[in-house]
Each structure stands twice: as structure tokens, then as C-alpha cells.
Amino acid sequence: METKACRRCRRLFQYIGGDMYCPICKDELENLFKEVKTYIYEHKNCSIPEVIKATGCKEANIEQWVREERLILNDNTGIKFFCEKCGTQIFSGRFCAKCKAETANMLSGIYKEEKPQAAPKRFNDAKHNEMYTMEMRRGRKQ
């Protein structure tokens, strides 16, 4: 474990892993998340400025929760987020379903193991399937 400064309040704390927030700030952010989530679900057509005014949350926190897929919006909310790749409206995460699938297919294609190809046959007809010696080639049959 190492000692780090909290990104929010600058207090020193024992950093174990994950976000760089002290335990107090983590609890406060979790409570704020629950408050924002409740407000959005109670006020279906609210916008981000309305949520910020009602809850005191920062816009960056709301965006982070949506991008982390902790906060999932629906069609009825006035809050809009867009795919980082194609610009389609999304309700959570960073990418739309189409772009996620394209990226997954592209990445899976990179990591597929190539199958070794069989050595090509030299001759395909029966005439060349026999073994000859130098004497047979010269016309000396023994």
C-alpha cells in the first residue's frame, strides 16, 4: 500500500487500488450517485443543468457515471449522450451497440491463431505418384 492524496479533497490516505479518492469522498460520491439516479428516475424529462441544480452534482460526475455504465438513461430522459465513434445517441457507455460489435470483431480477428497450411502436393495425377530412380529415367530398367 502507498500513501496518496485524494483527487477531491487532497487528504492523504492509504491507496489500495481503484479510484484515487479517500474513503470519505468515496462514500460522499456514492451517496451523490444514488441521489442523482433517484432524481433522474423521478423526473423523467430533466436536463443535466436541472440535475446539477437539484442535487449539487458536477456535470463531469454525471458524464463519468454514464460512460462507466453505472447510470443508464432511457429514451424519456432529456439527457443525451452520443457514441464517441459514430455520434449515434446512446443511453450508457461510450459506444453504441454497433460500434461495440465492430470493435469486438476487429479485436477478435487480430488475436485468432493462424492455422498452419498443409504443404501443397506436387502432382495431382496418378502418373506422377510413382517413385522413379535415375536408371528408370535414363531408360535402363532393372
N, C-alpha and C. Protein backbone atom coordinates (compact mmCIF):
# COMPACT_ATOMS: atom_id res chain seq x y z
N MET A 1 0.85 -1.19 0.00
CA MET A 1 0.00 0.00 0.00
C MET A 1 0.88 1.24 0.00
N GLU A 2 0.37 2.26 -0.65
CA GLU A 2 1.11 3.50 -0.67
C GLU A 2 0.19 4.66 -0.26
N THR A 3 0.78 5.73 0.15
CA THR A 3 0.02 6.91 0.57
C THR A 3 -0.14 7.83 -0.62
N LYS A 4 -1.39 8.23 -0.86
CA LYS A 4 -1.70 9.14 -1.98
C LYS A 4 -2.60 10.25 -1.48
N ALA A 5 -2.71 11.30 -2.27
CA ALA A 5 -3.61 12.41 -1.96
C ALA A 5 -4.92 12.20 -2.71
N CYS A 6 -6.01 12.39 -2.05
CA CYS A 6 -7.34 12.25 -2.64
C CYS A 6 -7.50 13.29 -3.76
N ARG A 7 -8.09 12.88 -4.87
CA ARG A 7 -8.29 13.78 -6.01
C ARG A 7 -9.33 14.85 -5.73
N ARG A 8 -10.16 14.60 -4.75
CA ARG A 8 -11.26 15.52 -4.48
C ARG A 8 -10.94 16.48 -3.34
N CYS A 9 -10.47 15.96 -2.23
CA CYS A 9 -10.26 16.80 -1.04
C CYS A 9 -8.78 17.00 -0.70
N ARG A 10 -7.89 16.30 -1.39
CA ARG A 10 -6.44 16.39 -1.20
C ARG A 10 -5.95 15.81 0.14
N ARG A 11 -6.80 15.09 0.87
CA ARG A 11 -6.36 14.42 2.10
C ARG A 11 -5.50 13.22 1.74
N LEU A 12 -4.55 12.90 2.60
CA LEU A 12 -3.72 11.72 2.39
C LEU A 12 -4.48 10.49 2.88
N PHE A 13 -4.33 9.39 2.14
CA PHE A 13 -4.98 8.13 2.53
C PHE A 13 -4.16 6.97 2.00
N GLN A 14 -4.40 5.79 2.56
CA GLN A 14 -3.71 4.58 2.11
C GLN A 14 -4.40 4.07 0.85
N TYR A 15 -3.70 4.17 -0.27
CA TYR A 15 -4.25 3.78 -1.56
C TYR A 15 -4.10 2.28 -1.76
N ILE A 16 -5.20 1.60 -2.01
CA ILE A 16 -5.20 0.16 -2.22
C ILE A 16 -5.35 -0.15 -3.71
N GLY A 17 -6.14 0.62 -4.40
CA GLY A 17 -6.40 0.41 -5.83
C GLY A 17 -7.72 1.06 -6.19
N GLY A 18 -7.98 1.16 -7.48
CA GLY A 18 -9.22 1.76 -7.95
C GLY A 18 -9.10 3.27 -8.07
N ASP A 19 -10.19 3.97 -7.80
CA ASP A 19 -10.20 5.42 -7.91
C ASP A 19 -9.30 6.05 -6.86
N MET A 20 -8.85 7.24 -7.15
CA MET A 20 -7.92 7.94 -6.26
C MET A 20 -8.68 8.83 -5.27
N TYR A 21 -9.69 8.27 -4.63
CA TYR A 21 -10.47 9.01 -3.64
C TYR A 21 -10.30 8.37 -2.27
N CYS A 22 -10.28 9.21 -1.26
CA CYS A 22 -10.21 8.70 0.11
C CYS A 22 -11.55 8.04 0.45
N PRO A 23 -11.60 7.23 1.49
CA PRO A 23 -12.85 6.54 1.84
C PRO A 23 -14.01 7.50 2.11
N ILE A 24 -13.73 8.66 2.70
CA ILE A 24 -14.80 9.63 3.00
C ILE A 24 -15.40 10.16 1.69
N CYS A 25 -14.53 10.54 0.76
CA CYS A 25 -15.02 11.06 -0.52
C CYS A 25 -15.72 9.98 -1.34
N LYS A 26 -15.23 8.73 -1.25
CA LYS A 26 -15.90 7.63 -1.95
C LYS A 26 -17.33 7.48 -1.46
N ASP A 27 -17.52 7.54 -0.15
CA ASP A 27 -18.87 7.43 0.42
C ASP A 27 -19.74 8.61 -0.02
N GLU A 28 -19.16 9.82 -0.01
CA GLU A 28 -19.92 11.00 -0.44
C GLU A 28 -20.32 10.89 -1.91
N LEU A 29 -19.40 10.45 -2.74
CA LEU A 29 -19.71 10.29 -4.17
C LEU A 29 -20.77 9.20 -4.40
N GLU A 30 -20.69 8.14 -3.63
CA GLU A 30 -21.69 7.08 -3.77
C GLU A 30 -23.08 7.58 -3.37
N ASN A 31 -23.15 8.35 -2.28
CA ASN A 31 -24.43 8.94 -1.87
C ASN A 31 -24.94 9.92 -2.92
N LEU A 32 -24.04 10.71 -3.50
CA LEU A 32 -24.40 11.65 -4.55
C LEU A 32 -24.90 10.91 -5.78
N PHE A 33 -24.27 9.80 -6.12
CA PHE A 33 -24.71 8.98 -7.25
C PHE A 33 -26.14 8.49 -7.03
N LYS A 34 -26.41 7.98 -5.84
CA LYS A 34 -27.76 7.50 -5.54
C LYS A 34 -28.78 8.62 -5.64
N GLU A 35 -28.40 9.82 -5.17
CA GLU A 35 -29.30 10.97 -5.23
C GLU A 35 -29.58 11.38 -6.69
N VAL A 36 -28.53 11.41 -7.50
CA VAL A 36 -28.69 11.76 -8.92
C VAL A 36 -29.56 10.73 -9.63
N LYS A 37 -29.29 9.47 -9.38
CA LYS A 37 -30.06 8.39 -10.01
C LYS A 37 -31.54 8.48 -9.64
N THR A 38 -31.82 8.71 -8.37
CA THR A 38 -33.20 8.85 -7.92
C THR A 38 -33.87 10.05 -8.57
N TYR A 39 -33.16 11.17 -8.63
CA TYR A 39 -33.73 12.39 -9.22
C TYR A 39 -34.06 12.17 -10.70
N ILE A 40 -33.14 11.55 -11.43
CA ILE A 40 -33.38 11.32 -12.86
C ILE A 40 -34.57 10.41 -13.08
N TYR A 41 -34.72 9.37 -12.28
CA TYR A 41 -35.83 8.45 -12.47
C TYR A 41 -37.16 9.03 -12.00
N GLU A 42 -37.12 9.97 -11.06
CA GLU A 42 -38.36 10.62 -10.63
C GLU A 42 -38.78 11.74 -11.58
N HIS A 43 -37.81 12.39 -12.21
CA HIS A 43 -38.07 13.50 -13.14
C HIS A 43 -37.60 13.07 -14.52
N LYS A 44 -38.47 12.39 -15.24
CA LYS A 44 -38.12 11.72 -16.49
C LYS A 44 -37.53 12.65 -17.56
N ASN A 45 -38.06 13.84 -17.73
CA ASN A 45 -37.61 14.72 -18.81
C ASN A 45 -36.65 15.81 -18.35
N CYS A 46 -35.89 15.54 -17.32
CA CYS A 46 -34.97 16.56 -16.79
C CYS A 46 -33.73 16.66 -17.68
N SER A 47 -33.08 17.80 -17.60
CA SER A 47 -31.83 18.01 -18.33
C SER A 47 -30.67 18.00 -17.34
N ILE A 48 -29.47 18.01 -17.85
CA ILE A 48 -28.29 17.99 -16.97
C ILE A 48 -28.24 19.23 -16.07
N PRO A 49 -28.50 20.44 -16.60
CA PRO A 49 -28.49 21.60 -15.69
C PRO A 49 -29.52 21.49 -14.55
N GLU A 50 -30.68 20.91 -14.84
CA GLU A 50 -31.69 20.71 -13.79
C GLU A 50 -31.17 19.75 -12.72
N VAL A 51 -30.53 18.67 -13.15
CA VAL A 51 -29.99 17.68 -12.20
C VAL A 51 -28.90 18.33 -11.34
N ILE A 52 -28.03 19.12 -11.98
CA ILE A 52 -26.95 19.79 -11.25
C ILE A 52 -27.52 20.75 -10.22
N LYS A 53 -28.54 21.52 -10.60
CA LYS A 53 -29.16 22.48 -9.69
C LYS A 53 -29.84 21.79 -8.52
N ALA A 54 -30.54 20.68 -8.80
CA ALA A 54 -31.29 19.99 -7.76
C ALA A 54 -30.40 19.18 -6.81
N THR A 55 -29.32 18.61 -7.33
CA THR A 55 -28.51 17.71 -6.50
C THR A 55 -27.17 18.29 -6.07
N GLY A 56 -26.70 19.30 -6.77
CA GLY A 56 -25.40 19.87 -6.45
C GLY A 56 -24.25 19.06 -7.03
N CYS A 57 -24.55 18.15 -7.91
CA CYS A 57 -23.55 17.30 -8.55
C CYS A 57 -22.86 18.04 -9.69
N LYS A 58 -21.65 17.66 -10.01
CA LYS A 58 -20.95 18.25 -11.14
C LYS A 58 -21.32 17.49 -12.41
N GLU A 59 -21.30 18.21 -13.53
CA GLU A 59 -21.61 17.58 -14.82
C GLU A 59 -20.61 16.47 -15.15
N ALA A 60 -19.35 16.67 -14.79
CA ALA A 60 -18.32 15.66 -15.06
C ALA A 60 -18.64 14.34 -14.35
N ASN A 61 -19.21 14.41 -13.15
CA ASN A 61 -19.57 13.18 -12.44
C ASN A 61 -20.68 12.44 -13.16
N ILE A 62 -21.68 13.17 -13.64
CA ILE A 62 -22.80 12.53 -14.35
C ILE A 62 -22.27 11.86 -15.61
N GLU A 63 -21.44 12.58 -16.37
CA GLU A 63 -20.86 12.02 -17.59
C GLU A 63 -20.03 10.78 -17.28
N GLN A 64 -19.25 10.81 -16.23
CA GLN A 64 -18.42 9.67 -15.85
C GLN A 64 -19.29 8.46 -15.52
N TRP A 65 -20.36 8.66 -14.77
CA TRP A 65 -21.23 7.54 -14.40
C TRP A 65 -21.93 6.94 -15.62
N VAL A 66 -22.30 7.79 -16.57
CA VAL A 66 -22.91 7.27 -17.80
C VAL A 66 -21.87 6.49 -18.60
N ARG A 67 -20.67 7.04 -18.75
CA ARG A 67 -19.61 6.38 -19.51
C ARG A 67 -19.17 5.07 -18.87
N GLU A 68 -19.22 5.00 -17.53
CA GLU A 68 -18.87 3.77 -16.81
C GLU A 68 -20.02 2.77 -16.82
N GLU A 69 -21.16 3.14 -17.37
CA GLU A 69 -22.38 2.34 -17.41
C GLU A 69 -22.96 2.07 -16.03
N ARG A 70 -22.69 2.95 -15.10
CA ARG A 70 -23.32 2.87 -13.78
C ARG A 70 -24.69 3.52 -13.84
N LEU A 71 -24.80 4.58 -14.62
CA LEU A 71 -26.05 5.32 -14.76
C LEU A 71 -26.56 5.05 -16.17
N ILE A 72 -27.69 4.38 -16.27
CA ILE A 72 -28.26 4.02 -17.57
C ILE A 72 -29.51 4.86 -17.79
N LEU A 73 -29.48 5.65 -18.84
CA LEU A 73 -30.60 6.53 -19.18
C LEU A 73 -31.57 5.80 -20.08
N ASN A 74 -32.74 6.39 -20.26
CA ASN A 74 -33.69 5.80 -21.21
C ASN A 74 -34.15 6.87 -22.20
N ASP A 75 -35.01 6.49 -23.09
CA ASP A 75 -35.48 7.39 -24.16
C ASP A 75 -36.22 8.60 -23.62
N ASN A 76 -36.85 8.46 -22.47
CA ASN A 76 -37.69 9.54 -21.93
C ASN A 76 -36.91 10.66 -21.26
N THR A 77 -35.67 10.42 -20.89
CA THR A 77 -34.92 11.47 -20.20
C THR A 77 -34.48 12.53 -21.18
N GLY A 78 -34.34 13.74 -20.70
CA GLY A 78 -33.88 14.84 -21.54
C GLY A 78 -32.37 14.88 -21.65
N ILE A 79 -31.68 13.98 -20.98
CA ILE A 79 -30.22 13.94 -21.00
C ILE A 79 -29.78 13.08 -22.19
N LYS A 80 -28.91 13.64 -22.99
CA LYS A 80 -28.47 12.95 -24.20
C LYS A 80 -26.95 12.76 -24.19
N PHE A 81 -26.52 11.56 -24.56
CA PHE A 81 -25.11 11.24 -24.77
C PHE A 81 -24.98 10.57 -26.12
N PHE A 82 -23.79 10.71 -26.71
CA PHE A 82 -23.60 10.21 -28.06
C PHE A 82 -22.37 9.32 -28.14
N CYS A 83 -22.42 8.36 -29.06
CA CYS A 83 -21.32 7.43 -29.30
C CYS A 83 -20.08 8.21 -29.69
N GLU A 84 -18.96 7.85 -29.09
CA GLU A 84 -17.70 8.55 -29.37
C GLU A 84 -17.16 8.25 -30.76
N LYS A 85 -17.64 7.18 -31.37
CA LYS A 85 -17.13 6.80 -32.68
C LYS A 85 -18.00 7.31 -33.82
N CYS A 86 -19.32 7.08 -33.75
CA CYS A 86 -20.18 7.43 -34.89
C CYS A 86 -21.17 8.56 -34.59
N GLY A 87 -21.36 8.92 -33.32
CA GLY A 87 -22.25 10.03 -32.98
C GLY A 87 -23.71 9.66 -32.76
N THR A 88 -24.04 8.38 -32.80
CA THR A 88 -25.40 7.93 -32.54
C THR A 88 -25.76 8.15 -31.07
N GLN A 89 -27.02 8.47 -30.80
CA GLN A 89 -27.43 8.67 -29.41
C GLN A 89 -27.37 7.34 -28.66
N ILE A 90 -26.78 7.38 -27.46
CA ILE A 90 -26.68 6.20 -26.61
C ILE A 90 -27.24 6.52 -25.23
N PHE A 91 -27.46 5.49 -24.44
CA PHE A 91 -28.04 5.68 -23.11
C PHE A 91 -27.07 5.33 -21.99
N SER A 92 -25.97 4.68 -22.32
CA SER A 92 -24.92 4.40 -21.35
C SER A 92 -23.67 3.97 -22.09
N GLY A 93 -22.54 4.05 -21.42
CA GLY A 93 -21.29 3.63 -22.01
C GLY A 93 -20.68 4.70 -22.90
N ARG A 94 -19.71 4.30 -23.70
CA ARG A 94 -19.00 5.23 -24.58
C ARG A 94 -19.37 5.02 -26.04
N PHE A 95 -19.80 3.79 -26.39
CA PHE A 95 -20.07 3.46 -27.78
C PHE A 95 -21.45 2.84 -27.93
N CYS A 96 -22.02 2.97 -29.13
CA CYS A 96 -23.30 2.34 -29.43
C CYS A 96 -23.07 0.83 -29.63
N ALA A 97 -24.16 0.07 -29.70
CA ALA A 97 -24.04 -1.38 -29.83
C ALA A 97 -23.34 -1.77 -31.12
N LYS A 98 -23.61 -1.04 -32.21
CA LYS A 98 -22.99 -1.35 -33.50
C LYS A 98 -21.47 -1.16 -33.43
N CYS A 99 -21.02 -0.04 -32.87
CA CYS A 99 -19.59 0.23 -32.78
C CYS A 99 -18.90 -0.73 -31.81
N LYS A 100 -19.59 -1.13 -30.73
CA LYS A 100 -19.02 -2.11 -29.81
C LYS A 100 -18.80 -3.44 -30.53
N ALA A 101 -19.80 -3.86 -31.33
CA ALA A 101 -19.68 -5.12 -32.05
C ALA A 101 -18.56 -5.06 -33.09
N GLU A 102 -18.46 -3.94 -33.82
CA GLU A 102 -17.39 -3.78 -34.81
C GLU A 102 -16.01 -3.87 -34.14
N THR A 103 -15.87 -3.20 -33.01
CA THR A 103 -14.59 -3.21 -32.31
C THR A 103 -14.27 -4.61 -31.79
N ALA A 104 -15.27 -5.29 -31.26
CA ALA A 104 -15.06 -6.65 -30.75
C ALA A 104 -14.66 -7.59 -31.89
N ASN A 105 -15.33 -7.47 -33.04
CA ASN A 105 -14.98 -8.33 -34.18
C ASN A 105 -13.58 -8.04 -34.68
N MET A 106 -13.22 -6.76 -34.72
CA MET A 106 -11.90 -6.38 -35.17
C MET A 106 -10.83 -6.94 -34.23
N LEU A 107 -11.06 -6.81 -32.93
CA LEU A 107 -10.09 -7.30 -31.95
C LEU A 107 -10.01 -8.81 -31.93
N SER A 108 -11.14 -9.50 -32.11
CA SER A 108 -11.10 -10.96 -32.10
C SER A 108 -10.38 -11.47 -33.34
N GLY A 109 -10.47 -10.75 -34.45
CA GLY A 109 -9.76 -11.13 -35.66
C GLY A 109 -8.26 -10.99 -35.51
N ILE A 110 -7.82 -10.05 -34.72
CA ILE A 110 -6.39 -9.84 -34.50
C ILE A 110 -5.78 -10.98 -33.71
N TYR A 111 -6.52 -11.48 -32.73
CA TYR A 111 -5.98 -12.48 -31.82
C TYR A 111 -6.23 -13.92 -32.23
N LYS A 112 -6.87 -14.14 -33.38
CA LYS A 112 -7.08 -15.51 -33.83
C LYS A 112 -5.75 -16.12 -34.24
N GLU A 113 -5.57 -17.36 -33.85
CA GLU A 113 -4.34 -18.04 -34.23
C GLU A 113 -4.46 -18.48 -35.69
N GLU A 114 -3.39 -18.28 -36.42
CA GLU A 114 -3.40 -18.72 -37.80
C GLU A 114 -3.16 -20.21 -37.84
N LYS A 115 -3.97 -20.90 -38.65
CA LYS A 115 -3.81 -22.34 -38.79
C LYS A 115 -2.69 -22.60 -39.79
N PRO A 116 -1.81 -23.53 -39.48
CA PRO A 116 -0.76 -23.83 -40.44
C PRO A 116 -1.36 -24.47 -41.69
N GLN A 117 -0.90 -24.04 -42.84
CA GLN A 117 -1.41 -24.57 -44.08
C GLN A 117 -0.66 -25.84 -44.45
N ALA A 118 -1.39 -26.79 -45.01
CA ALA A 118 -0.77 -28.04 -45.42
C ALA A 118 0.12 -27.77 -46.63
N ALA A 119 1.21 -28.51 -46.72
CA ALA A 119 2.12 -28.34 -47.85
C ALA A 119 1.40 -28.75 -49.13
N PRO A 120 1.54 -27.98 -50.19
CA PRO A 120 0.84 -28.32 -51.43
C PRO A 120 1.43 -29.58 -52.05
N LYS A 121 0.56 -30.38 -52.67
CA LYS A 121 1.01 -31.59 -53.35
C LYS A 121 1.70 -31.17 -54.65
N ARG A 122 2.72 -31.90 -55.00
CA ARG A 122 3.47 -31.56 -56.21
C ARG A 122 2.71 -31.98 -57.46
N PHE A 123 2.16 -33.17 -57.44
CA PHE A 123 1.47 -33.68 -58.63
C PHE A 123 0.10 -34.20 -58.23
N ASN A 124 -0.86 -34.01 -59.08
CA ASN A 124 -2.21 -34.45 -58.77
C ASN A 124 -2.64 -35.69 -59.56
N ASP A 125 -1.92 -36.06 -60.61
CA ASP A 125 -2.36 -37.21 -61.40
C ASP A 125 -1.62 -38.48 -60.98
N ALA A 126 -2.16 -39.62 -61.34
CA ALA A 126 -1.62 -40.91 -60.92
C ALA A 126 -0.26 -41.19 -61.55
N LYS A 127 -0.01 -40.63 -62.70
CA LYS A 127 1.25 -40.86 -63.40
C LYS A 127 2.45 -40.42 -62.56
N HIS A 128 2.30 -39.38 -61.83
CA HIS A 128 3.42 -38.84 -61.08
C HIS A 128 3.46 -39.30 -59.62
N ASN A 129 2.60 -40.19 -59.26
CA ASN A 129 2.59 -40.66 -57.88
C ASN A 129 3.59 -41.79 -57.64
N GLU A 130 4.23 -42.30 -58.70
CA GLU A 130 5.20 -43.38 -58.56
C GLU A 130 6.58 -42.81 -58.28
N MET A 131 7.41 -43.64 -57.70
CA MET A 131 8.77 -43.22 -57.41
C MET A 131 9.70 -43.74 -58.50
N TYR A 132 10.56 -42.92 -59.02
CA TYR A 132 11.50 -43.30 -60.07
C TYR A 132 12.93 -43.18 -59.56
N THR A 133 13.77 -44.01 -60.11
CA THR A 133 15.20 -43.90 -59.82
C THR A 133 15.88 -43.32 -61.05
N MET A 134 17.12 -42.97 -60.92
CA MET A 134 17.86 -42.39 -62.04
C MET A 134 17.93 -43.35 -63.22
N GLU A 135 18.06 -44.67 -62.95
CA GLU A 135 18.16 -45.63 -64.03
C GLU A 135 16.88 -45.69 -64.84
N MET A 136 15.74 -45.59 -64.16
CA MET A 136 14.47 -45.65 -64.87
C MET A 136 14.30 -44.41 -65.74
N ARG A 137 14.79 -43.30 -65.30
CA ARG A 137 14.68 -42.08 -66.07
C ARG A 137 15.53 -42.16 -67.34
N ARG A 138 16.68 -42.78 -67.22
CA ARG A 138 17.57 -42.89 -68.38
C ARG A 138 17.13 -43.99 -69.34
N GLY A 139 16.17 -44.73 -68.97
CA GLY A 139 15.69 -45.79 -69.84
C GLY A 139 16.22 -47.15 -69.49
N ARG A 140 17.00 -47.27 -68.48
CA ARG A 140 17.52 -48.58 -68.06
C ARG A 140 16.60 -49.14 -67.00
N LYS A 141 15.88 -50.11 -67.34
CA LYS A 141 15.02 -50.75 -66.36
C LYS A 141 15.74 -51.97 -65.81
N GLN A 142 15.76 -52.15 -64.58
CA GLN A 142 16.43 -53.30 -63.97
C GLN A 142 15.49 -54.25 -63.36
